[in-house]
Amino acid sequence: MLPLKQATEGGWRGCTSDTAWVQRAFDEGLSNYYVNVHTAEYPAGAIRGQLQQ
């Protein structure tokens, strides 16, 4: 899990730690990864999206 931090200009961006996976994602293909957003209201996951290349 790579949490995002709140941007000072609003919204959310950037991983707060362990960004070495980004290069692996591009090397292996982004379709091997997905984003799963969790919120206080939906702790098991609010939305999930498969990445595409």
Protein backbone atom coordinates (compact mmCIF):
# COMPACT_ATOMS: atom_id res chain seq x y z
CA MET A 1 0.00 0.00 0.00
CA LEU A 2 1.31 3.43 -0.94
CA PRO A 3 -0.66 6.21 0.74
CA LEU A 4 -1.08 9.61 -0.89
CA LYS A 5 -0.68 12.91 0.91
CA GLN A 6 -2.95 15.93 0.63
CA ALA A 7 -1.52 18.57 -1.70
CA THR A 8 -1.29 22.14 -0.41
CA GLU A 9 -3.17 23.39 -3.49
CA GLY A 10 -6.00 20.92 -2.91
CA GLY A 11 -6.59 17.34 -3.95
CA TRP A 12 -4.24 14.43 -3.39
CA ARG A 13 -0.99 13.54 -5.08
CA GLY A 14 2.29 11.67 -4.81
CA CYS A 15 3.27 8.64 -2.85
CA THR A 16 4.60 9.31 0.61
CA SER A 17 7.11 6.44 0.49
CA ASP A 18 8.60 3.63 -1.60
CA THR A 19 8.40 5.03 -5.12
CA ALA A 20 10.78 2.39 -6.55
CA TRP A 21 7.69 0.46 -7.72
CA VAL A 22 6.99 3.16 -10.33
CA GLN A 23 9.93 2.11 -12.52
CA ARG A 24 8.93 -1.56 -12.17
CA ALA A 25 5.36 -0.67 -13.17
CA PHE A 26 6.56 0.92 -16.40
CA ASP A 27 8.99 -1.94 -17.10
CA GLU A 28 6.43 -4.68 -16.43
CA GLY A 29 3.45 -2.86 -17.93
CA LEU A 30 0.96 -0.67 -16.11
CA SER A 31 -1.88 -3.12 -16.78
CA ASN A 32 -0.39 -5.29 -14.02
CA TYR A 33 -1.40 -2.64 -11.45
CA TYR A 34 -4.57 -1.11 -10.08
CA VAL A 35 -5.64 1.72 -7.79
CA ASN A 36 -7.93 1.00 -4.85
CA VAL A 37 -9.26 4.04 -2.98
CA HIS A 38 -10.27 3.59 0.67
CA THR A 39 -12.20 6.14 2.72
CA ALA A 40 -13.44 6.33 6.31
CA GLU A 41 -16.96 5.59 5.03
CA TYR A 42 -15.77 2.66 2.87
CA PRO A 43 -12.70 1.21 4.61
CA ALA A 44 -12.78 -1.96 2.47
CA GLY A 45 -12.56 0.16 -0.68
CA ALA A 46 -14.64 2.92 -2.23
CA ILE A 47 -13.53 2.44 -5.84
CA ARG A 48 -11.02 0.32 -7.76
CA GLY A 49 -9.53 1.01 -11.18
CA GLN A 50 -7.26 -1.14 -13.35
CA LEU A 51 -4.45 0.82 -15.00
CA GLN A 52 -3.93 0.62 -18.74
CA GLN A 53 -1.01 1.28 -20.99
